[in-house]
PDB file of N, CA and C in Angstrom:
ATOM      1  N   UNK A   1      93.496  67.703 107.109  1.00  0.00           N
ATOM      2  CA  UNK A   1      92.919  67.778 105.595  1.00  0.00           C
ATOM      3  C   UNK A   1      93.776  69.252 105.185  1.00  0.00           C
ATOM      4  N   UNK A   2      93.900  69.066 103.824  1.00  0.00           N
ATOM      5  CA  UNK A   2      94.525  70.260 103.237  1.00  0.00           C
ATOM      6  C   UNK A   2      93.954  70.818 101.888  1.00  0.00           C
ATOM      7  N   UNK A   3      94.224  72.125 101.563  1.00  0.00           N
ATOM      8  CA  UNK A   3      93.413  72.649 100.436  1.00  0.00           C
ATOM      9  C   UNK A   3      93.800  72.001  99.274  1.00  0.00           C
ATOM     10  N   UNK A   4      92.825  71.701  98.453  1.00  0.00           N
ATOM     11  CA  UNK A   4      92.818  71.260  97.068  1.00  0.00           C
ATOM     12  C   UNK A   4      92.435  72.516  96.119  1.00  0.00           C
ATOM     13  N   UNK A   5      92.052  73.584  96.806  1.00  0.00           N
ATOM     14  CA  UNK A   5      91.656  74.555  95.753  1.00  0.00           C
ATOM     15  C   UNK A   5      92.721  75.537  95.375  1.00  0.00           C
ATOM     16  N   UNK A   6      92.895  75.607  94.176  1.00  0.00           N
ATOM     17  CA  UNK A   6      93.929  76.510  93.710  1.00  0.00           C
ATOM     18  C   UNK A   6      93.566  78.062  93.921  1.00  0.00           C
ATOM     19  N   UNK A   7      94.310  78.788  94.179  1.00  0.00           N
ATOM     20  CA  UNK A   7      94.073  80.232  94.163  1.00  0.00           C
ATOM     21  C   UNK A   7      93.664  80.928  93.061  1.00  0.00           C
ATOM     22  N   UNK A   8      92.871  81.785  92.781  1.00  0.00           N
ATOM     23  CA  UNK A   8      92.216  82.430  91.678  1.00  0.00           C
ATOM     24  C   UNK A   8      91.775  83.714  91.949  1.00  0.00           C
ATOM     25  N   UNK A   9      92.536  84.449  91.446  1.00  0.00           N
ATOM     26  CA  UNK A   9      91.873  86.143  91.539  1.00  0.00           C
ATOM     27  C   UNK A   9      90.522  86.289  91.367  1.00  0.00           C
ATOM     28  N   UNK A  10      89.900  86.787  92.233  1.00  0.00           N
ATOM     29  CA  UNK A  10      88.494  87.065  92.006  1.00  0.00           C
ATOM     30  C   UNK A  10      87.443  85.935  92.675  1.00  0.00           C
ATOM     31  N   UNK A  11      88.190  84.786  92.793  1.00  0.00           N
ATOM     32  CA  UNK A  11      87.174  83.724  93.735  1.00  0.00           C
ATOM     33  C   UNK A  11      87.243  83.939  95.054  1.00  0.00           C
ATOM     34  N   UNK A  12      86.263  83.455  95.756  1.00  0.00           N
ATOM     35  CA  UNK A  12      85.736  83.206  96.949  1.00  0.00           C
ATOM     36  C   UNK A  12      86.197  82.134  97.852  1.00  0.00           C
ATOM     37  N   UNK A  13      86.966  82.060  98.847  1.00  0.00           N
ATOM     38  CA  UNK A  13      87.138  80.744  99.492  1.00  0.00           C
ATOM     39  C   UNK A  13      86.683  80.794 101.116  1.00  0.00           C
ATOM     40  N   UNK A  14      86.649  79.779 101.663  1.00  0.00           N
ATOM     41  CA  UNK A  14      86.508  79.775 103.398  1.00  0.00           C
ATOM     42  C   UNK A  14      87.404  78.882 103.903  1.00  0.00           C
ATOM     43  N   UNK A  15      88.111  79.524 105.000  1.00  0.00           N
ATOM     44  CA  UNK A  15      88.919  78.585 105.755  1.00  0.00           C
ATOM     45  C   UNK A  15      87.884  78.141 106.452  1.00  0.00           C
ATOM     46  N   UNK A  16      87.932  76.629 106.332  1.00  0.00           N
ATOM     47  CA  UNK A  16      86.971  75.865 107.328  1.00  0.00           C
ATOM     48  C   UNK A  16      87.670  75.628 108.613  1.00  0.00           C
ATOM     49  N   UNK A  17      88.702  75.720 108.724  1.00  0.00           N
ATOM     50  CA  UNK A  17      89.133  75.382 110.142  1.00  0.00           C
ATOM     51  C   UNK A  17      88.847  76.631 111.003  1.00  0.00           C
ATOM     52  N   UNK A  18      89.273  77.953 110.579  1.00  0.00           N
ATOM     53  CA  UNK A  18      89.143  79.203 111.164  1.00  0.00           C
ATOM     54  C   UNK A  18      87.649  79.815 111.021  1.00  0.00           C
ATOM     55  N   UNK A  19      86.823  79.286 110.017  1.00  0.00           N
ATOM     56  CA  UNK A  19      85.563  79.900 109.646  1.00  0.00           C
ATOM     57  C   UNK A  19      85.900  81.455 109.175  1.00  0.00           C
ATOM     58  N   UNK A  20      86.784  81.520 108.262  1.00  0.00           N
ATOM     59  CA  UNK A  20      87.015  82.896 107.817  1.00  0.00           C
ATOM     60  C   UNK A  20      86.785  82.970 106.394  1.00  0.00           C
ATOM     61  N   UNK A  21      85.832  83.949 105.561  1.00  0.00           N
ATOM     62  CA  UNK A  21      85.516  84.025 104.492  1.00  0.00           C
ATOM     63  C   UNK A  21      86.398  85.065 103.694  1.00  0.00           C
ATOM     64  N   UNK A  22      87.139  84.862 102.763  1.00  0.00           N
ATOM     65  CA  UNK A  22      88.008  86.030 102.123  1.00  0.00           C
ATOM     66  C   UNK A  22      87.936  85.626 100.614  1.00  0.00           C
ATOM     67  N   UNK A  23      88.543  86.630  99.671  1.00  0.00           N
ATOM     68  CA  UNK A  23      88.378  86.701  98.247  1.00  0.00           C
ATOM     69  C   UNK A  23      90.012  86.654  97.750  1.00  0.00           C
ATOM     70  N   UNK A  24      90.353  86.155  96.871  1.00  0.00           N
ATOM     71  CA  UNK A  24      91.852  86.329  96.342  1.00  0.00           C
ATOM     72  C   UNK A  24      91.690  87.534  95.584  1.00  0.00           C
ATOM     73  N   UNK A  25      92.708  88.489  95.917  1.00  0.00           N
ATOM     74  CA  UNK A  25      92.706  89.779  95.319  1.00  0.00           C
ATOM     75  C   UNK A  25      93.996  89.825  94.285  1.00  0.00           C
ATOM     76  N   UNK A  26      95.153  89.391  94.391  1.00  0.00           N
ATOM     77  CA  UNK A  26      96.292  89.358  93.663  1.00  0.00           C
ATOM     78  C   UNK A  26      97.014  87.820  94.061  1.00  0.00           C
ATOM     79  N   UNK A  27      97.607  87.658  93.020  1.00  0.00           N
ATOM     80  CA  UNK A  27      98.565  86.392  92.891  1.00  0.00           C
ATOM     81  C   UNK A  27      99.918  87.152  92.490  1.00  0.00           C
ATOM     82  N   UNK A  28     101.112  87.012  93.215  1.00  0.00           N
ATOM     83  CA  UNK A  28     102.523  87.563  92.631  1.00  0.00           C
ATOM     84  C   UNK A  28     103.329  86.185  92.585  1.00  0.00           C
ATOM     85  N   UNK A  29     103.313  85.486  91.254  1.00  0.00           N
ATOM     86  CA  UNK A  29     104.181  84.216  91.293  1.00  0.00           C
ATOM     87  C   UNK A  29     105.630  84.563  91.691  1.00  0.00           C
ATOM     88  N   UNK A  30     106.215  85.553  91.036  1.00  0.00           N
ATOM     89  CA  UNK A  30     107.611  85.878  91.497  1.00  0.00           C
ATOM     90  C   UNK A  30     107.877  85.903  92.993  1.00  0.00           C
ATOM     91  N   UNK A  31     106.983  86.479  93.549  1.00  0.00           N
ATOM     92  CA  UNK A  31     106.895  86.943  95.198  1.00  0.00           C
ATOM     93  C   UNK A  31     106.598  85.590  95.976  1.00  0.00           C
ATOM     94  N   UNK A  32     105.884  84.639  95.514  1.00  0.00           N
ATOM     95  CA  UNK A  32     105.344  83.757  96.173  1.00  0.00           C
ATOM     96  C   UNK A  32     104.322  84.143  97.176  1.00  0.00           C
ATOM     97  N   UNK A  33     103.375  84.980  96.477  1.00  0.00           N
ATOM     98  CA  UNK A  33     102.369  85.804  97.424  1.00  0.00           C
ATOM     99  C   UNK A  33     101.070  85.722  96.781  1.00  0.00           C
ATOM    100  N   UNK A  34     100.241  85.187  97.735  1.00  0.00           N
ATOM    101  CA  UNK A  34      98.704  85.227  97.348  1.00  0.00           C
ATOM    102  C   UNK A  34      98.101  86.158  98.324  1.00  0.00           C
ATOM    103  N   UNK A  35      97.552  87.503  97.653  1.00  0.00           N
ATOM    104  CA  UNK A  35      97.009  88.319  98.613  1.00  0.00           C
ATOM    105  C   UNK A  35      95.648  88.184  98.602  1.00  0.00           C
ATOM    106  N   UNK A  36      95.017  88.244  99.842  1.00  0.00           N
ATOM    107  CA  UNK A  36      93.633  88.034 100.041  1.00  0.00           C
ATOM    108  C   UNK A  36      92.928  89.149 100.665  1.00  0.00           C
ATOM    109  N   UNK A  37      91.532  89.213 100.632  1.00  0.00           N
ATOM    110  CA  UNK A  37      90.739  90.360 101.300  1.00  0.00           C
ATOM    111  C   UNK A  37      89.611  89.620 102.055  1.00  0.00           C
ATOM    112  N   UNK A  38      89.474  89.592 103.467  1.00  0.00           N
ATOM    113  CA  UNK A  38      88.561  89.017 104.193  1.00  0.00           C
ATOM    114  C   UNK A  38      87.159  89.740 104.081  1.00  0.00           C
ATOM    115  N   UNK A  39      86.278  89.241 104.512  1.00  0.00           N
ATOM    116  CA  UNK A  39      84.868  89.607 104.499  1.00  0.00           C
ATOM    117  C   UNK A  39      84.651  90.971 105.434  1.00  0.00           C
ATOM    118  N   UNK A  40      85.504  90.974 106.198  1.00  0.00           N
ATOM    119  CA  UNK A  40      85.442  92.141 107.285  1.00  0.00           C
ATOM    120  C   UNK A  40      86.187  93.272 106.752  1.00  0.00           C
ATOM    121  N   UNK A  41      86.843  93.024 105.391  1.00  0.00           N
ATOM    122  CA  UNK A  41      87.747  94.099 104.984  1.00  0.00           C
ATOM    123  C   UNK A  41      89.353  94.100 104.985  1.00  0.00           C
ATOM    124  N   UNK A  42      89.854  93.263 106.183  1.00  0.00           N
ATOM    125  CA  UNK A  42      91.037  93.243 106.116  1.00  0.00           C
ATOM    126  C   UNK A  42      91.750  92.754 105.403  1.00  0.00           C
ATOM    127  N   UNK A  43      93.094  92.868 104.855  1.00  0.00           N
ATOM    128  CA  UNK A  43      93.874  92.498 103.759  1.00  0.00           C
ATOM    129  C   UNK A  43      94.715  91.347 104.602  1.00  0.00           C
ATOM    130  N   UNK A  44      95.186  90.083 103.959  1.00  0.00           N
ATOM    131  CA  UNK A  44      95.889  89.228 104.540  1.00  0.00           C
ATOM    132  C   UNK A  44      96.857  88.664 103.026  1.00  0.00           C
ATOM    133  N   UNK A  45      98.085  87.764 103.523  1.00  0.00           N
ATOM    134  CA  UNK A  45      98.724  87.320 102.479  1.00  0.00           C
ATOM    135  C   UNK A  45      99.168  85.779 102.929  1.00  0.00           C
ATOM    136  N   UNK A  46      99.476  85.020 101.870  1.00  0.00           N
ATOM    137  CA  UNK A  46      99.864  83.744 102.032  1.00  0.00           C
ATOM    138  C   UNK A  46     100.848  83.311 101.023  1.00  0.00           C
ATOM    139  N   UNK A  47     101.845  82.505 101.439  1.00  0.00           N
ATOM    140  CA  UNK A  47     102.577  81.968 100.371  1.00  0.00           C
ATOM    141  C   UNK A  47     102.053  80.619  99.985  1.00  0.00           C
ATOM    142  N   UNK A  48     102.525  80.013  98.914  1.00  0.00           N
ATOM    143  CA  UNK A  48     101.986  78.826  98.193  1.00  0.00           C
ATOM    144  C   UNK A  48     102.053  77.577  99.317  1.00  0.00           C
ATOM    145  N   UNK A  49     102.965  77.613  99.997  1.00  0.00           N
ATOM    146  CA  UNK A  49     103.038  76.550 100.962  1.00  0.00           C
ATOM    147  C   UNK A  49     101.799  76.305 102.056  1.00  0.00           C
ATOM    148  N   UNK A  50     101.770  77.778 102.580  1.00  0.00           N
ATOM    149  CA  UNK A  50     100.744  77.742 103.604  1.00  0.00           C
ATOM    150  C   UNK A  50      99.482  77.739 103.193  1.00  0.00           C
ATOM    151  N   UNK A  51      99.018  78.225 101.533  1.00  0.00           N
ATOM    152  CA  UNK A  51      97.797  77.979 101.246  1.00  0.00           C
ATOM    153  C   UNK A  51      97.486  76.674 101.083  1.00  0.00           C
ATOM    154  N   UNK A  52      98.656  75.869 100.477  1.00  0.00           N
ATOM    155  CA  UNK A  52      98.125  74.509 100.212  1.00  0.00           C
ATOM    156  C   UNK A  52      97.943  73.587 101.507  1.00  0.00           C
ATOM    157  N   UNK A  53      98.654  74.146 102.766  1.00  0.00           N
ATOM    158  CA  UNK A  53      98.605  73.619 103.867  1.00  0.00           C
ATOM    159  C   UNK A  53      97.261  73.937 104.869  1.00  0.00           C
ATOM    160  N   UNK A  54      96.524  74.622 104.289  1.00  0.00           N
ATOM    161  CA  UNK A  54      95.566  75.377 104.803  1.00  0.00           C
ATOM    162  C   UNK A  54      94.065  74.418 104.529  1.00  0.00           C
ATOM    163  N   UNK A  55      93.091  74.692 105.072  1.00  0.00           N
ATOM    164  CA  UNK A  55      91.818  74.185 105.155  1.00  0.00           C
ATOM    165  C   UNK A  55      90.935  75.150 104.112  1.00  0.00           C
ATOM    166  N   UNK A  56      91.536  75.451 102.970  1.00  0.00           N
ATOM    167  CA  UNK A  56      90.370  76.533 102.101  1.00  0.00           C
ATOM    168  C   UNK A  56      89.596  75.816 101.151  1.00  0.00           C
ATOM    169  N   UNK A  57      88.381  76.105 101.003  1.00  0.00           N
ATOM    170  CA  UNK A  57      87.614  75.584  99.915  1.00  0.00           C
ATOM    171  C   UNK A  57      86.707  76.463  99.103  1.00  0.00           C
ATOM    172  N   UNK A  58      86.444  76.663  97.927  1.00  0.00           N
ATOM    173  CA  UNK A  58      85.688  77.458  97.145  1.00  0.00           C
ATOM    174  C   UNK A  58      84.351  77.714  97.934  1.00  0.00           C
ATOM    175  N   UNK A  59      83.684  78.877  97.528  1.00  0.00           N
ATOM    176  CA  UNK A  59      82.374  79.049  97.770  1.00  0.00           C
ATOM    177  C   UNK A  59      81.813  80.124  96.872  1.00  0.00           C
ATOM    178  N   UNK A  60      80.725  80.249  97.055  1.00  0.00           N
ATOM    179  CA  UNK A  60      79.792  81.174  96.117  1.00  0.00           C
ATOM    180  C   UNK A  60      80.331  82.656  96.849  1.00  0.00           C
ATOM    181  N   UNK A  61      80.177  83.593  96.097  1.00  0.00           N
ATOM    182  CA  UNK A  61      80.253  85.057  96.376  1.00  0.00           C
ATOM    183  C   UNK A  61      79.314  85.205  97.381  1.00  0.00           C
ATOM    184  N   UNK A  62      79.722  85.611  98.715  1.00  0.00           N
ATOM    185  CA  UNK A  62      78.672  85.922  99.940  1.00  0.00           C
ATOM    186  C   UNK A  62      77.883  87.211  99.445  1.00  0.00           C
ATOM    187  N   UNK A  63      76.463  87.073  99.977  1.00  0.00           N
ATOM    188  CA  UNK A  63      75.536  88.068  99.612  1.00  0.00           C
ATOM    189  C   UNK A  63      75.700  89.362 100.244  1.00  0.00           C
ATOM    190  N   UNK A  64      76.418  89.355 101.345  1.00  0.00           N
ATOM    191  CA  UNK A  64      76.888  90.661 102.031  1.00  0.00           C
ATOM    192  C   UNK A  64      78.306  90.854 101.966  1.00  0.00           C
ATOM    193  N   UNK A  65      79.018  90.463 100.819  1.00  0.00           N
ATOM    194  CA  UNK A  65      80.483  90.639 100.773  1.00  0.00           C
ATOM    195  C   UNK A  65      80.767  92.096 100.652  1.00  0.00           C
ATOM    196  N   UNK A  66      80.043  93.327 100.352  1.00  0.00           N
ATOM    197  CA  UNK A  66      80.337  94.535 100.641  1.00  0.00           C
ATOM    198  C   UNK A  66      80.042  95.232 101.847  1.00  0.00           C
ATOM    199  N   UNK A  67      79.609  94.352 102.734  1.00  0.00           N
ATOM    200  CA  UNK A  67      79.349  94.932 104.107  1.00  0.00           C
ATOM    201  C   UNK A  67      80.507  95.924 104.778  1.00  0.00           C
ATOM    202  N   UNK A  68      81.999  95.314 104.525  1.00  0.00           N
ATOM    203  CA  UNK A  68      82.686  96.360 105.260  1.00  0.00           C
ATOM    204  C   UNK A  68      82.760  97.627 104.431  1.00  0.00           C
ATOM    205  N   UNK A  69      82.294  97.814 103.356  1.00  0.00           N
ATOM    206  CA  UNK A  69      82.292  99.046 102.525  1.00  0.00           C
ATOM    207  C   UNK A  69      81.021  99.705 102.505  1.00  0.00           C
ATOM    208  N   UNK A  70      79.915  99.536 103.486  1.00  0.00           N
ATOM    209  CA  UNK A  70      78.592  99.865 103.455  1.00  0.00           C
ATOM    210  C   UNK A  70      78.605 101.354 103.839  1.00  0.00           C
ATOM    211  N   UNK A  71      79.687 101.948 104.678  1.00  0.00           N
ATOM    212  CA  UNK A  71      79.622 103.166 105.394  1.00  0.00           C
ATOM    213  C   UNK A  71      80.310 104.169 104.658  1.00  0.00           C
ATOM    214  N   UNK A  72      80.975 103.661 103.225  1.00  0.00           N
ATOM    215  CA  UNK A  72      81.613 104.699 102.399  1.00  0.00           C
ATOM    216  C   UNK A  72      80.606 105.603 101.642  1.00  0.00           C
ATOM    217  N   UNK A  73      81.070 106.800 101.715  1.00  0.00           N
ATOM    218  CA  UNK A  73      80.185 107.684 100.930  1.00  0.00           C
ATOM    219  C   UNK A  73      80.929 107.766  99.453  1.00  0.00           C
ATOM    220  N   UNK A  74      79.865 108.412  98.761  1.00  0.00           N
ATOM    221  CA  UNK A  74      80.639 108.655  97.487  1.00  0.00           C
ATOM    222  C   UNK A  74      81.729 109.577  97.099  1.00  0.00           C
ATOM    223  N   UNK A  75      81.740 110.667  98.282  1.00  0.00           N
ATOM    224  CA  UNK A  75      82.687 111.812  98.416  1.00  0.00           C
ATOM    225  C   UNK A  75      84.160 111.035  98.663  1.00  0.00           C
ATOM    226  N   UNK A  76      84.007 109.894  99.397  1.00  0.00           N
ATOM    227  CA  UNK A  76      85.190 109.005  99.998  1.00  0.00           C
ATOM    228  C   UNK A  76      85.758 108.617  98.777  1.00  0.00           C
ATOM    229  N   UNK A  77      85.432 108.134  97.788  1.00  0.00           N
ATOM    230  CA  UNK A  77      85.886 107.402  96.583  1.00  0.00           C
ATOM    231  C   UNK A  77      86.416 108.624  95.595  1.00  0.00           C
ATOM    232  N   UNK A  78      85.882 109.872  95.773  1.00  0.00           N
ATOM    233  CA  UNK A  78      86.390 111.078  94.775  1.00  0.00           C
ATOM    234  C   UNK A  78      85.348 111.059  93.751  1.00  0.00           C
ATOM    235  N   UNK A  79      84.101 110.269  93.771  1.00  0.00           N
ATOM    236  CA  UNK A  79      82.964 110.344  92.346  1.00  0.00           C
ATOM    237  C   UNK A  79      82.380 111.469  92.393  1.00  0.00           C
ATOM    238  N   UNK A  80      82.354 112.298  93.260  1.00  0.00           N
ATOM    239  CA  UNK A  80      81.396 113.617  93.241  1.00  0.00           C
ATOM    240  C   UNK A  80      82.267 114.712  93.071  1.00  0.00           C
ATOM    241  N   UNK A  81      83.563 114.673  93.082  1.00  0.00           N
ATOM    242  CA  UNK A  81      84.387 115.803  92.755  1.00  0.00           C
ATOM    243  C   UNK A  81      84.596 115.882  91.112  1.00  0.00           C
ATOM    244  N   UNK A  82      83.816 116.094  90.667  1.00  0.00           N
ATOM    245  CA  UNK A  82      83.922 116.304  89.039  1.00  0.00           C
ATOM    246  C   UNK A  82      85.016 116.953  88.865  1.00  0.00           C
ATOM    247  N   UNK A  83      85.292 118.161  89.292  1.00  0.00           N
ATOM    248  CA  UNK A  83      86.382 119.331  88.868  1.00  0.00           C
ATOM    249  C   UNK A  83      87.677 118.726  88.928  1.00  0.00           C
ATOM    250  N   UNK A  84      87.959 117.865  89.736  1.00  0.00           N
ATOM    251  CA  UNK A  84      89.344 117.051  89.877  1.00  0.00           C
ATOM    252  C   UNK A  84      89.852 116.364  88.559  1.00  0.00           C
ATOM    253  N   UNK A  85      88.793 115.863  88.129  1.00  0.00           N
ATOM    254  CA  UNK A  85      88.835 115.004  86.763  1.00  0.00           C
ATOM    255  C   UNK A  85      88.981 115.528  85.238  1.00  0.00           C
ATOM    256  N   UNK A  86      88.589 116.558  85.250  1.00  0.00           N
ATOM    257  CA  UNK A  86      88.246 117.346  83.942  1.00  0.00           C
ATOM    258  C   UNK A  86      89.833 117.861  83.652  1.00  0.00           C
ATOM    259  N   UNK A  87      90.233 117.886  82.311  1.00  0.00           N
ATOM    260  CA  UNK A  87      91.209 118.562  81.834  1.00  0.00           C
ATOM    261  C   UNK A  87      91.455 120.043  81.855  1.00  0.00           C
ATOM    262  N   UNK A  88      92.451 120.528  82.297  1.00  0.00           N
ATOM    263  CA  UNK A  88      92.592 122.292  82.305  1.00  0.00           C
ATOM    264  C   UNK A  88      92.536 122.655  80.828  1.00  0.00           C
ATOM    265  N   UNK A  89      91.510 123.534  80.563  1.00  0.00           N
ATOM    266  CA  UNK A  89      91.945 124.023  79.309  1.00  0.00           C
ATOM    267  C   UNK A  89      93.073 124.561  78.540  1.00  0.00           C
ATOM    268  N   UNK A  90      93.601 125.233  79.774  1.00  0.00           N
ATOM    269  CA  UNK A  90      94.924 126.037  79.551  1.00  0.00           C
ATOM    270  C   UNK A  90      96.142 124.702  78.899  1.00  0.00           C
ATOM    271  N   UNK A  91      95.546 123.446  79.236  1.00  0.00           N
ATOM    272  CA  UNK A  91      96.563 122.677  78.957  1.00  0.00           C
ATOM    273  C   UNK A  91      96.310 121.771  77.541  1.00  0.00           C
ATOM    274  N   UNK A  92      95.367 122.177  76.866  1.00  0.00           N
ATOM    275  CA  UNK A  92      94.808 121.359  75.898  1.00  0.00           C
ATOM    276  C   UNK A  92      95.513 122.281  74.644  1.00  0.00           C
ATOM    277  N   UNK A  93      95.999 121.304  73.706  1.00  0.00           N
ATOM    278  CA  UNK A  93      96.553 122.129  72.542  1.00  0.00           C
ATOM    279  C   UNK A  93      95.576 121.831  71.284  1.00  0.00           C
ATOM    280  N   UNK A  94      94.787 123.035  71.052  1.00  0.00           N
ATOM    281  CA  UNK A  94      93.755 122.918  70.107  1.00  0.00           C
ATOM    282  C   UNK A  94      94.370 122.555  68.786  1.00  0.00           C
ATOM    283  N   UNK A  95      95.434 122.831  68.322  1.00  0.00           N
ATOM    284  CA  UNK A  95      96.104 122.827  67.154  1.00  0.00           C
ATOM    285  C   UNK A  95      96.093 121.175  66.736  1.00  0.00           C
ATOM    286  N   UNK A  96      96.090 120.255  67.644  1.00  0.00           N
ATOM    287  CA  UNK A  96      95.969 118.765  67.551  1.00  0.00           C
ATOM    288  C   UNK A  96      94.526 118.547  67.124  1.00  0.00           C
ATOM    289  N   UNK A  97      93.578 119.142  67.060  1.00  0.00           N
ATOM    290  CA  UNK A  97      92.387 118.667  66.686  1.00  0.00           C
ATOM    291  C   UNK A  97      91.795 119.512  65.390  1.00  0.00           C
ATOM    292  N   UNK A  98      92.769 120.460  65.062  1.00  0.00           N
ATOM    293  CA  UNK A  98      92.329 121.000  63.787  1.00  0.00           C
ATOM    294  C   UNK A  98      92.790 120.364  62.629  1.00  0.00           C
ATOM    295  N   UNK A  99      92.075 120.373  61.448  1.00  0.00           N
ATOM    296  CA  UNK A  99      92.400 119.693  60.362  1.00  0.00           C
ATOM    297  C   UNK A  99      93.610 120.136  59.417  1.00  0.00           C
TER     298      UNK A  99
END
């Protein structure tokens, strides 16, 4: 059995032979690369030939798709560090804002 499901960024698939669930996160046509992220958070890559010779099928987004990221804190992503994202007042040219 071979895959008839085309790779589409953002779609979820299941490798029926190996019982692995993953999401396509990037397709580089020029490099013949289909980048995927498995449900456990690992990143993988396929070329078009190996994709279509595999046993992948479309699936609905898993309910627990964020499980690999559950142990992340807001600080890990830099969301609570507001000072790092503000413009330095010394770098602002106020002449640009005056009429």
